[in-house]
Each structure stands twice: as structure tokens, then as C-alpha cells.
PDB file of all heavy atoms in Angstrom:
ATOM      1  N   GLY A   1     119.068 125.151  97.629  1.00  0.00           N
ATOM      2  CA  GLY A   1     120.097 124.601  96.748  1.00  0.00           C
ATOM      3  C   GLY A   1     120.386 123.142  97.023  1.00  0.00           C
ATOM      4  O   GLY A   1     119.488 122.348  97.285  1.00  0.00           O
ATOM      5  N   ALA A   2     121.677 122.801  96.990  1.00  0.00           N
ATOM      6  CA  ALA A   2     122.101 121.412  97.186  1.00  0.00           C
ATOM      7  C   ALA A   2     121.767 120.894  98.585  1.00  0.00           C
ATOM      8  O   ALA A   2     121.744 119.680  98.802  1.00  0.00           O
ATOM      9  CB  ALA A   2     123.595 121.278  96.913  1.00  0.00           C
ATOM     10  N   GLY A   3     121.473 121.792  99.508  1.00  0.00           N
ATOM     11  CA  GLY A   3     121.130 121.374 100.867  1.00  0.00           C
ATOM     12  C   GLY A   3     119.840 120.593 100.962  1.00  0.00           C
ATOM     13  O   GLY A   3     119.567 119.956 101.976  1.00  0.00           O
ATOM     14  N   THR A   4     119.018 120.633  99.921  1.00  0.00           N
ATOM     15  CA  THR A   4     117.747 119.905  99.936  1.00  0.00           C
ATOM     16  C   THR A   4     117.828 118.584  99.173  1.00  0.00           C
ATOM     17  O   THR A   4     116.832 117.880  99.052  1.00  0.00           O
ATOM     18  CB  THR A   4     116.623 120.755  99.316  1.00  0.00           C
ATOM     19  OG1 THR A   4     116.942 121.014  97.948  1.00  0.00           O
ATOM     20  CG2 THR A   4     116.430 122.059 100.067  1.00  0.00           C
ATOM     21  N   GLN A   5     119.005 118.248  98.659  1.00  0.00           N
ATOM     22  CA  GLN A   5     119.168 117.005  97.894  1.00  0.00           C
ATOM     23  C   GLN A   5     119.480 115.846  98.824  1.00  0.00           C
ATOM     24  O   GLN A   5     120.314 115.966  99.724  1.00  0.00           O
ATOM     25  CB  GLN A   5     120.304 117.152  96.883  1.00  0.00           C
ATOM     26  CG  GLN A   5     120.029 118.177  95.820  1.00  0.00           C
ATOM     27  CD  GLN A   5     121.210 118.351  94.887  1.00  0.00           C
ATOM     28  OE1 GLN A   5     122.360 118.236  95.288  1.00  0.00           O
ATOM     29  NE2 GLN A   5     120.916 118.624  93.633  1.00  0.00           N
ATOM     30  N   THR A   6     118.827 114.735  98.591  1.00  0.00           N
ATOM     31  CA  THR A   6     119.069 113.528  99.373  1.00  0.00           C
ATOM     32  C   THR A   6     118.681 112.306  98.534  1.00  0.00           C
ATOM     33  O   THR A   6     118.516 112.406  97.327  1.00  0.00           O
ATOM     34  CB  THR A   6     118.321 113.572 100.722  1.00  0.00           C
ATOM     35  OG1 THR A   6     118.793 112.516 101.559  1.00  0.00           O
ATOM     36  CG2 THR A   6     116.816 113.500 100.554  1.00  0.00           C
ATOM     37  N   VAL A   7     118.515 111.186  99.207  1.00  0.00           N
ATOM     38  CA  VAL A   7     118.122 109.947  98.545  1.00  0.00           C
ATOM     39  C   VAL A   7     116.985 109.326  99.343  1.00  0.00           C
ATOM     40  O   VAL A   7     117.040 109.248 100.572  1.00  0.00           O
ATOM     41  CB  VAL A   7     119.311 108.950  98.476  1.00  0.00           C
ATOM     42  CG1 VAL A   7     118.883 107.661  97.796  1.00  0.00           C
ATOM     43  CG2 VAL A   7     120.496 109.571  97.748  1.00  0.00           C
ATOM     44  N   LEU A   8     115.938 108.898  98.642  1.00  0.00           N
ATOM     45  CA  LEU A   8     114.818 108.194  99.262  1.00  0.00           C
ATOM     46  C   LEU A   8     114.931 106.718  98.919  1.00  0.00           C
ATOM     47  O   LEU A   8     115.257 106.359  97.783  1.00  0.00           O
ATOM     48  CB  LEU A   8     113.486 108.732  98.733  1.00  0.00           C
ATOM     49  CG  LEU A   8     112.253 107.966  99.209  1.00  0.00           C
ATOM     50  CD1 LEU A   8     111.215 108.929  99.751  1.00  0.00           C
ATOM     51  CD2 LEU A   8     111.653 107.145  98.089  1.00  0.00           C
ATOM     52  N   TRP A   9     114.669 105.884  99.902  1.00  0.00           N
ATOM     53  CA  TRP A   9     114.601 104.438  99.685  1.00  0.00           C
ATOM     54  C   TRP A   9     113.228 103.987 100.158  1.00  0.00           C
ATOM     55  O   TRP A   9     112.741 104.416 101.210  1.00  0.00           O
ATOM     56  CB  TRP A   9     115.684 103.713 100.480  1.00  0.00           C
ATOM     57  CG  TRP A   9     115.474 102.227 100.498  1.00  0.00           C
ATOM     58  CD1 TRP A   9     115.864 101.332  99.552  1.00  0.00           C
ATOM     59  CD2 TRP A   9     114.804 101.465 101.512  1.00  0.00           C
ATOM     60  NE1 TRP A   9     115.478 100.061  99.906  1.00  0.00           N
ATOM     61  CE2 TRP A   9     114.822 100.117 101.107  1.00  0.00           C
ATOM     62  CE3 TRP A   9     114.175 101.794 102.710  1.00  0.00           C
ATOM     63  CZ2 TRP A   9     114.249  99.105 101.868  1.00  0.00           C
ATOM     64  CZ3 TRP A   9     113.602 100.794 103.462  1.00  0.00           C
ATOM     65  CH2 TRP A   9     113.646  99.464 103.036  1.00  0.00           C
ATOM     66  N   ALA A  10     112.582 103.135  99.371  1.00  0.00           N
ATOM     67  CA  ALA A  10     111.289 102.571  99.778  1.00  0.00           C
ATOM     68  C   ALA A  10     111.223 101.111  99.355  1.00  0.00           C
ATOM     69  O   ALA A  10     111.717 100.737  98.290  1.00  0.00           O
ATOM     70  CB  ALA A  10     110.132 103.346  99.153  1.00  0.00           C
ATOM     71  N   ARG A  11     110.619 100.285 100.208  1.00  0.00           N
ATOM     72  CA  ARG A  11     110.343  98.886  99.879  1.00  0.00           C
ATOM     73  C   ARG A  11     108.841  98.685 100.032  1.00  0.00           C
ATOM     74  O   ARG A  11     108.264  98.958 101.075  1.00  0.00           O
ATOM     75  CB  ARG A  11     111.078  97.912 100.784  1.00  0.00           C
ATOM     76  CG  ARG A  11     110.704  96.444 100.422  1.00  0.00           C
ATOM     77  CD  ARG A  11     111.371  95.408 101.318  1.00  0.00           C
ATOM     78  NE  ARG A  11     112.796  95.392 101.092  1.00  0.00           N
ATOM     79  CZ  ARG A  11     113.711  95.440 102.082  1.00  0.00           C
ATOM     80  NH1 ARG A  11     113.330  95.521 103.328  1.00  0.00           N
ATOM     81  NH2 ARG A  11     114.992  95.411 101.802  1.00  0.00           N
ATOM     82  N   PHE A  12     108.240  98.191  98.956  1.00  0.00           N
ATOM     83  CA  PHE A  12     106.810  97.947  98.935  1.00  0.00           C
ATOM     84  C   PHE A  12     106.540  96.500  99.338  1.00  0.00           C
ATOM     85  O   PHE A  12     107.409  95.642  99.192  1.00  0.00           O
ATOM     86  CB  PHE A  12     106.257  98.260  97.540  1.00  0.00           C
ATOM     87  CG  PHE A  12     106.484  99.695  97.157  1.00  0.00           C
ATOM     88  CD1 PHE A  12     107.653 100.083  96.511  1.00  0.00           C
ATOM     89  CD2 PHE A  12     105.549 100.663  97.468  1.00  0.00           C
ATOM     90  CE1 PHE A  12     107.889 101.409  96.174  1.00  0.00           C
ATOM     91  CE2 PHE A  12     105.766 101.998  97.136  1.00  0.00           C
ATOM     92  CZ  PHE A  12     106.939 102.368  96.489  1.00  0.00           C
ATOM     93  N   PRO A  13     105.357  96.199  99.860  1.00  0.00           N
ATOM     94  CA  PRO A  13     105.049  94.838 100.302  1.00  0.00           C
ATOM     95  C   PRO A  13     105.232  93.770  99.224  1.00  0.00           C
ATOM     96  O   PRO A  13     105.438  92.607  99.534  1.00  0.00           O
ATOM     97  CB  PRO A  13     103.592  94.936 100.756  1.00  0.00           C
ATOM     98  CG  PRO A  13     103.444  96.353 101.174  1.00  0.00           C
ATOM     99  CD  PRO A  13     104.283  97.138 100.203  1.00  0.00           C
ATOM    100  N   SER A  14     105.196  94.161  97.958  1.00  0.00           N
ATOM    101  CA  SER A  14     105.427  93.209  96.867  1.00  0.00           C
ATOM    102  C   SER A  14     106.887  92.801  96.779  1.00  0.00           C
ATOM    103  O   SER A  14     107.238  91.882  96.037  1.00  0.00           O
ATOM    104  CB  SER A  14     105.020  93.848  95.539  1.00  0.00           C
ATOM    105  OG  SER A  14     105.846  94.978  95.288  1.00  0.00           O
ATOM    106  N   GLY A  15     107.759  93.521  97.509  1.00  0.00           N
ATOM    107  CA  GLY A  15     109.194  93.287  97.428  1.00  0.00           C
ATOM    108  C   GLY A  15     109.881  94.265  96.489  1.00  0.00           C
ATOM    109  O   GLY A  15     111.102  94.337  96.432  1.00  0.00           O
ATOM    110  N   ASP A  16     109.092  95.061  95.736  1.00  0.00           N
ATOM    111  CA  ASP A  16     109.671  96.080  94.867  1.00  0.00           C
ATOM    112  C   ASP A  16     110.403  97.114  95.716  1.00  0.00           C
ATOM    113  O   ASP A  16     109.958  97.444  96.827  1.00  0.00           O
ATOM    114  CB  ASP A  16     108.589  96.794  94.058  1.00  0.00           C
ATOM    115  CG  ASP A  16     107.899  95.902  93.039  1.00  0.00           C
ATOM    116  OD1 ASP A  16     108.213  94.695  92.981  1.00  0.00           O
ATOM    117  OD2 ASP A  16     107.041  96.422  92.300  1.00  0.00           O
ATOM    118  N   GLU A  17     111.522  97.620  95.193  1.00  0.00           N
ATOM    119  CA  GLU A  17     112.279  98.649  95.893  1.00  0.00           C
ATOM    120  C   GLU A  17     112.515  99.848  94.992  1.00  0.00           C
ATOM    121  O   GLU A  17     112.728  99.708  93.793  1.00  0.00           O
ATOM    122  CB  GLU A  17     113.634  98.115  96.359  1.00  0.00           C
ATOM    123  CG  GLU A  17     113.532  97.177  97.538  1.00  0.00           C
ATOM    124  CD  GLU A  17     114.889  96.813  98.090  1.00  0.00           C
ATOM    125  OE1 GLU A  17     115.633  96.100  97.388  1.00  0.00           O
ATOM    126  OE2 GLU A  17     115.196  97.256  99.213  1.00  0.00           O
ATOM    127  N   LEU A  18     112.487 101.029  95.593  1.00  0.00           N
ATOM    128  CA  LEU A  18     112.750 102.281  94.912  1.00  0.00           C
ATOM    129  C   LEU A  18     113.913 102.965  95.612  1.00  0.00           C
ATOM    130  O   LEU A  18     113.893 103.141  96.834  1.00  0.00           O
ATOM    131  CB  LEU A  18     111.511 103.183  94.962  1.00  0.00           C
ATOM    132  CG  LEU A  18     111.662 104.612  94.436  1.00  0.00           C
ATOM    133  CD1 LEU A  18     111.968 104.602  92.925  1.00  0.00           C
ATOM    134  CD2 LEU A  18     110.411 105.418  94.734  1.00  0.00           C
ATOM    135  N   PHE A  19     114.935 103.314  94.839  1.00  0.00           N
ATOM    136  CA  PHE A  19     116.080 104.068  95.325  1.00  0.00           C
ATOM    137  C   PHE A  19     116.120 105.313  94.446  1.00  0.00           C
ATOM    138  O   PHE A  19     116.357 105.210  93.246  1.00  0.00           O
ATOM    139  CB  PHE A  19     117.359 103.226  95.182  1.00  0.00           C
ATOM    140  CG  PHE A  19     118.564 103.832  95.818  1.00  0.00           C
ATOM    141  CD1 PHE A  19     118.768 103.732  97.185  1.00  0.00           C
ATOM    142  CD2 PHE A  19     119.513 104.484  95.047  1.00  0.00           C
ATOM    143  CE1 PHE A  19     119.899 104.272  97.780  1.00  0.00           C
ATOM    144  CE2 PHE A  19     120.637 105.034  95.625  1.00  0.00           C
ATOM    145  CZ  PHE A  19     120.831 104.929  96.997  1.00  0.00           C
ATOM    146  N   MET A  20     115.804 106.503  95.032  1.00  0.00           N
ATOM    147  CA  MET A  20     115.575 107.683  94.205  1.00  0.00           C
ATOM    148  C   MET A  20     116.356 108.897  94.702  1.00  0.00           C
ATOM    149  O   MET A  20     116.092 109.402  95.802  1.00  0.00           O
ATOM    150  CB  MET A  20     114.080 108.007  94.209  1.00  0.00           C
ATOM    151  CG  MET A  20     113.689 109.178  93.348  1.00  0.00           C
ATOM    152  SD  MET A  20     111.893 109.444  93.317  1.00  0.00           S
ATOM    153  CE  MET A  20     111.638 110.382  94.818  1.00  0.00           C
ATOM    154  N   PRO A  21     117.328 109.375  93.899  1.00  0.00           N
ATOM    155  CA  PRO A  21     117.920 110.667  94.230  1.00  0.00           C
ATOM    156  C   PRO A  21     116.813 111.710  94.109  1.00  0.00           C
ATOM    157  O   PRO A  21     116.028 111.682  93.149  1.00  0.00           O
ATOM    158  CB  PRO A  21     119.006 110.872  93.171  1.00  0.00           C
ATOM    159  CG  PRO A  21     118.793 109.837  92.133  1.00  0.00           C
ATOM    160  CD  PRO A  21     117.845 108.817  92.660  1.00  0.00           C
ATOM    161  N   CYS A  22     116.728 112.609  95.086  1.00  0.00           N
ATOM    162  CA  CYS A  22     115.609 113.536  95.088  1.00  0.00           C
ATOM    163  C   CYS A  22     115.956 114.871  95.715  1.00  0.00           C
ATOM    164  O   CYS A  22     116.993 115.032  96.351  1.00  0.00           O
ATOM    165  CB  CYS A  22     114.414 112.916  95.818  1.00  0.00           C
ATOM    166  SG  CYS A  22     114.708 112.536  97.552  1.00  0.00           S
ATOM    167  N   VAL A  23     115.043 115.813  95.507  1.00  0.00           N
ATOM    168  CA  VAL A  23     115.051 117.103  96.177  1.00  0.00           C
ATOM    169  C   VAL A  23     113.843 117.086  97.099  1.00  0.00           C
ATOM    170  O   VAL A  23     112.749 116.684  96.693  1.00  0.00           O
ATOM    171  CB  VAL A  23     114.941 118.251  95.149  1.00  0.00           C
ATOM    172  CG1 VAL A  23     114.737 119.577  95.844  1.00  0.00           C
ATOM    173  CG2 VAL A  23     116.171 118.279  94.266  1.00  0.00           C
ATOM    174  N   VAL A  24     114.035 117.507  98.343  1.00  0.00           N
ATOM    175  CA  VAL A  24     112.944 117.514  99.314  1.00  0.00           C
ATOM    176  C   VAL A  24     112.344 118.910  99.380  1.00  0.00           C
ATOM    177  O   VAL A  24     113.048 119.896  99.612  1.00  0.00           O
ATOM    178  CB  VAL A  24     113.427 117.066 100.715  1.00  0.00           C
ATOM    179  CG1 VAL A  24     112.295 117.167 101.730  1.00  0.00           C
ATOM    180  CG2 VAL A  24     113.969 115.651 100.657  1.00  0.00           C
ATOM    181  N   ASN A  25     111.037 118.982  99.165  1.00  0.00           N
ATOM    182  CA  ASN A  25     110.291 120.233  99.242  1.00  0.00           C
ATOM    183  C   ASN A  25     109.355 120.147 100.441  1.00  0.00           C
ATOM    184  O   ASN A  25     108.325 119.475 100.379  1.00  0.00           O
ATOM    185  CB  ASN A  25     109.504 120.451  97.944  1.00  0.00           C
ATOM    186  CG  ASN A  25     108.727 121.755  97.966  1.00  0.00           C
ATOM    187  OD1 ASN A  25     109.135 122.725  98.575  1.00  0.00           O
ATOM    188  ND2 ASN A  25     107.583 121.759  97.299  1.00  0.00           N
ATOM    189  N   VAL A  26     109.732 120.798 101.540  1.00  0.00           N
ATOM    190  CA  VAL A  26     108.918 120.789 102.754  1.00  0.00           C
ATOM    191  C   VAL A  26     107.817 121.822 102.580  1.00  0.00           C
ATOM    192  O   VAL A  26     108.082 122.993 102.314  1.00  0.00           O
ATOM    193  CB  VAL A  26     109.778 121.113 103.996  1.00  0.00           C
ATOM    194  CG1 VAL A  26     108.917 121.156 105.253  1.00  0.00           C
ATOM    195  CG2 VAL A  26     110.896 120.094 104.149  1.00  0.00           C
ATOM    196  N   SER A  27     106.561 121.384 102.725  1.00  0.00           N
ATOM    197  CA  SER A  27     105.434 122.300 102.557  1.00  0.00           C
ATOM    198  C   SER A  27     104.759 122.652 103.875  1.00  0.00           C
ATOM    199  O   SER A  27     103.958 123.581 103.923  1.00  0.00           O
ATOM    200  CB  SER A  27     104.408 121.713 101.584  1.00  0.00           C
ATOM    201  OG  SER A  27     103.979 120.446 102.023  1.00  0.00           O
ATOM    202  N   GLY A  28     105.056 121.917 104.929  1.00  0.00           N
ATOM    203  CA  GLY A  28     104.485 122.228 106.236  1.00  0.00           C
ATOM    204  C   GLY A  28     105.288 121.580 107.341  1.00  0.00           C
ATOM    205  O   GLY A  28     105.614 120.400 107.264  1.00  0.00           O
ATOM    206  N   ALA A  29     105.637 122.370 108.361  1.00  0.00           N
ATOM    207  CA  ALA A  29     106.404 121.821 109.488  1.00  0.00           C
ATOM    208  C   ALA A  29     106.053 122.577 110.761  1.00  0.00           C
ATOM    209  O   ALA A  29     106.444 123.721 110.936  1.00  0.00           O
ATOM    210  CB  ALA A  29     107.909 121.917 109.225  1.00  0.00           C
ATOM    211  N   GLY A  30     105.269 121.933 111.605  1.00  0.00           N
ATOM    212  CA  GLY A  30     105.011 122.513 112.917  1.00  0.00           C
ATOM    213  C   GLY A  30     103.693 123.218 113.077  1.00  0.00           C
ATOM    214  O   GLY A  30     103.361 123.634 114.175  1.00  0.00           O
ATOM    215  N   GLY A  31     102.907 123.386 112.027  1.00  0.00           N
ATOM    216  CA  GLY A  31     101.654 124.117 112.133  1.00  0.00           C
ATOM    217  C   GLY A  31     100.457 123.214 112.315  1.00  0.00           C
ATOM    218  O   GLY A  31     100.574 121.999 112.435  1.00  0.00           O
ATOM    219  N   GLY A  32      99.292 123.844 112.323  1.00  0.00           N
ATOM    220  CA  GLY A  32      98.037 123.131 112.466  1.00  0.00           C
ATOM    221  C   GLY A  32      97.069 123.926 113.319  1.00  0.00           C
ATOM    222  O   GLY A  32      97.366 125.046 113.738  1.00  0.00           O
ATOM    223  N   GLY A  33      95.920 123.333 113.595  1.00  0.00           N
ATOM    224  CA  GLY A  33      94.925 123.981 114.430  1.00  0.00           C
ATOM    225  C   GLY A  33      95.319 123.946 115.902  1.00  0.00           C
ATOM    226  O   GLY A  33      96.193 123.180 116.309  1.00  0.00           O
ATOM    227  N   ALA A  34      94.658 124.748 116.713  1.00  0.00           N
ATOM    228  CA  ALA A  34      94.994 124.871 118.132  1.00  0.00           C
ATOM    229  C   ALA A  34      94.914 123.535 118.870  1.00  0.00           C
ATOM    230  O   ALA A  34      95.666 123.295 119.808  1.00  0.00           O
ATOM    231  CB  ALA A  34      94.074 125.893 118.804  1.00  0.00           C
ATOM    232  N   ALA A  35      94.020 122.660 118.448  1.00  0.00           N
ATOM    233  CA  ALA A  35      93.845 121.376 119.136  1.00  0.00           C
ATOM    234  C   ALA A  35      94.545 120.235 118.398  1.00  0.00           C
ATOM    235  O   ALA A  35      94.395 119.078 118.764  1.00  0.00           O
ATOM    236  CB  ALA A  35      92.361 121.057 119.278  1.00  0.00           C
ATOM    237  N   ASP A  36      95.318 120.560 117.338  1.00  0.00           N
ATOM    238  CA  ASP A  36      95.979 119.539 116.529  1.00  0.00           C
ATOM    239  C   ASP A  36      97.396 119.274 117.003  1.00  0.00           C
ATOM    240  O   ASP A  36      98.025 120.120 117.645  1.00  0.00           O
ATOM    241  CB  ASP A  36      96.067 119.981 115.061  1.00  0.00           C
ATOM    242  CG  ASP A  36      94.706 120.136 114.408  1.00  0.00           C
ATOM    243  OD1 ASP A  36      93.726 119.569 114.932  1.00  0.00           O
ATOM    244  OD2 ASP A  36      94.644 120.833 113.381  1.00  0.00           O
ATOM    245  N   VAL A  37      97.906 118.118 116.635  1.00  0.00           N
ATOM    246  CA  VAL A  37      99.333 117.834 116.770  1.00  0.00           C
ATOM    247  C   VAL A  37     100.007 118.475 115.565  1.00  0.00           C
ATOM    248  O   VAL A  37      99.481 118.428 114.449  1.00  0.00           O
ATOM    249  CB  VAL A  37      99.581 116.304 116.800  1.00  0.00           C
ATOM    250  CG1 VAL A  37     101.066 115.988 116.781  1.00  0.00           C
ATOM    251  CG2 VAL A  37      98.911 115.683 118.021  1.00  0.00           C
TER     252      VAL A  37
END
């Protein structure tokens, strides 16, 4: 629900800026292969 809502800010090397209300969809956290980080 509302717990996944936040705001993203980004500045690109051109000087362009993005300020975006967003929903965060986490698709992977903590997994990987045995020898991976």
C-alpha cells in the first residue's frame, strides 16, 4: 500500500533533474549465487 510510496530525485550529467513521486517495487533483496554478493 502507501508504505511503498516515496519520491525519487535524479540529476543527470547534462544538469537535467527528475523529481518523481513513485511506488517502489522491490524485485530482489539479498539473494544470488553461492559465490555472489
